[in-house]
Amino acid sequence: QVQLVESGGGLVQPGGSLRLSCAVSGFTFSSAIMRWYRTIPGKERELVARITSTGSSIIFADSVKGRFTISRDNTKNTVFLQMNSLKPEDTAVYYCNAYYSSINYWGQGTQVTVSS
């Protein structure tokens, strides 16, 4: 059974930091492309960051470049999203996505709220 379990969301003040984690089970994590998406009410889902299976290629949305980093630990089947210098417009539900064997798998999402 495939599971993607996000954690680390919460309420943070503008300028603060959060680290999201996504623990994966049920398939060969080290062969999967991992992505973080976010959804904001009234807006299209946005790809935030992507990391290839070996971590050799990473991309970010322009809106988060220089503030967010994505990494993975293939020994722990976990992908991370480090979010620094958070802004109110980063408020969203963040979803972990795995692309493995031509199938997309999704986590349940974690809420991130940036507010003073």
Protein backbone atom coordinates (compact mmCIF):
# COMPACT_ATOMS: atom_id res chain seq x y z
CA GLN A 1 0.00 0.00 0.00
CA VAL A 2 1.44 3.33 -1.07
CA GLN A 3 1.50 6.06 1.54
CA LEU A 4 2.79 9.59 1.49
CA VAL A 5 2.53 11.31 4.84
CA GLU A 6 3.32 15.00 5.11
CA SER A 7 4.18 16.76 8.32
CA GLY A 8 5.66 20.02 9.51
CA GLY A 9 2.98 22.49 8.52
CA GLY A 10 1.59 25.10 10.85
CA LEU A 11 1.30 28.78 11.63
CA VAL A 12 4.35 30.97 11.26
CA GLN A 13 4.98 34.71 11.21
CA PRO A 14 6.16 36.45 8.05
CA GLY A 15 9.89 36.02 7.67
CA GLY A 16 9.85 32.75 9.56
CA SER A 17 10.75 29.24 8.49
CA LEU A 18 9.13 25.84 8.32
CA ARG A 19 10.38 22.46 7.23
CA LEU A 20 7.94 20.09 5.63
CA SER A 21 8.59 16.37 5.52
CA CYS A 22 6.99 13.67 3.42
CA ALA A 23 7.55 10.09 4.49
CA VAL A 24 6.94 7.55 1.76
CA SER A 25 6.23 3.84 1.83
CA GLY A 26 4.91 1.21 -0.54
CA PHE A 27 7.28 1.63 -3.47
CA THR A 28 10.94 2.12 -4.27
CA PHE A 29 11.39 5.69 -3.10
CA SER A 30 14.88 6.03 -4.55
CA SER A 31 13.44 5.57 -8.05
CA ALA A 32 10.72 8.20 -7.74
CA ILE A 33 10.67 11.81 -8.82
CA MET A 34 9.37 13.82 -5.89
CA ARG A 35 7.50 17.10 -6.04
CA TRP A 36 5.88 19.56 -3.69
CA TYR A 37 2.75 21.33 -4.85
CA ARG A 38 0.56 23.87 -3.14
CA THR A 39 -3.00 24.96 -3.53
CA ILE A 40 -4.42 28.34 -2.62
CA PRO A 41 -8.19 28.84 -2.66
CA GLY A 42 -9.23 30.41 -5.95
CA LYS A 43 -5.94 29.65 -7.67
CA GLU A 44 -4.57 26.80 -9.73
CA ARG A 45 -2.40 24.21 -8.10
CA GLU A 46 1.21 25.32 -8.26
CA LEU A 47 4.31 23.19 -8.57
CA VAL A 48 6.62 24.48 -5.86
CA ALA A 49 9.68 22.27 -6.27
CA ARG A 50 10.82 19.05 -7.85
CA ILE A 51 13.75 16.77 -7.22
CA THR A 52 14.80 13.81 -9.32
CA SER A 53 15.43 10.35 -7.91
CA THR A 54 19.11 10.93 -7.26
CA GLY A 55 18.75 14.60 -6.42
CA SER A 56 20.82 15.56 -9.44
CA SER A 57 18.20 17.90 -10.85
CA ILE A 58 16.10 20.36 -8.86
CA ILE A 59 13.66 22.99 -10.03
CA PHE A 60 11.69 25.63 -8.19
CA ALA A 61 8.78 27.88 -8.96
CA ASP A 62 9.92 31.45 -9.55
CA SER A 63 7.84 32.54 -6.58
CA VAL A 64 9.96 30.54 -4.14
CA LYS A 65 13.43 30.65 -5.70
CA GLY A 66 16.07 31.68 -3.22
CA ARG A 67 13.77 31.01 -0.25
CA PHE A 68 12.83 27.33 -0.48
CA THR A 69 15.02 24.28 -0.84
CA ILE A 70 14.07 20.69 -1.57
CA SER A 71 16.07 17.66 -0.53
CA ARG A 72 15.62 13.96 -0.04
CA ASP A 73 17.03 11.18 2.06
CA ASN A 74 16.77 7.95 0.12
CA THR A 75 17.87 5.97 3.17
CA LYS A 76 14.84 7.25 5.09
CA ASN A 77 12.36 7.39 2.19
CA THR A 78 11.70 11.02 2.97
CA VAL A 79 11.61 14.25 1.00
CA PHE A 80 11.87 17.67 2.62
CA LEU A 81 10.87 21.19 1.77
CA GLN A 82 12.74 23.84 3.73
CA MET A 83 10.86 27.11 3.55
CA ASN A 84 12.61 30.27 4.66
CA SER A 85 11.65 33.94 4.55
CA LEU A 86 8.02 32.96 4.42
CA LYS A 87 5.49 35.44 3.13
CA PRO A 88 1.72 35.65 3.62
CA GLU A 89 1.29 34.64 -0.01
CA ASP A 90 2.94 31.30 0.78
CA THR A 91 -0.15 30.40 2.78
CA ALA A 92 -1.53 27.25 1.20
CA VAL A 93 -2.05 23.55 1.58
CA TYR A 94 1.17 21.84 0.57
CA TYR A 95 1.07 18.43 -1.03
CA CYS A 96 3.77 15.87 -1.54
CA ASN A 97 3.70 14.08 -4.89
CA ALA A 98 5.61 11.05 -6.08
CA TYR A 99 5.93 10.02 -9.70
CA TYR A 100 6.83 6.36 -9.83
CA SER A 101 6.35 3.78 -12.55
CA SER A 102 4.21 6.23 -14.57
CA ILE A 103 1.81 6.79 -11.68
CA ASN A 104 1.33 9.89 -9.57
CA TYR A 105 0.81 9.40 -5.86
CA TRP A 106 -0.32 12.11 -3.45
CA GLY A 107 -0.17 12.84 0.20
CA GLN A 108 -3.06 14.23 2.21
CA GLY A 109 -1.62 17.73 2.39
CA THR A 110 -0.44 19.93 5.22
CA GLN A 111 -1.61 23.46 5.91
CA VAL A 112 0.93 26.26 6.03
CA THR A 113 -0.30 29.62 7.27
CA VAL A 114 1.92 32.68 7.25
CA SER A 115 0.41 35.43 9.31
CA SER A 116 1.26 37.89 12.03
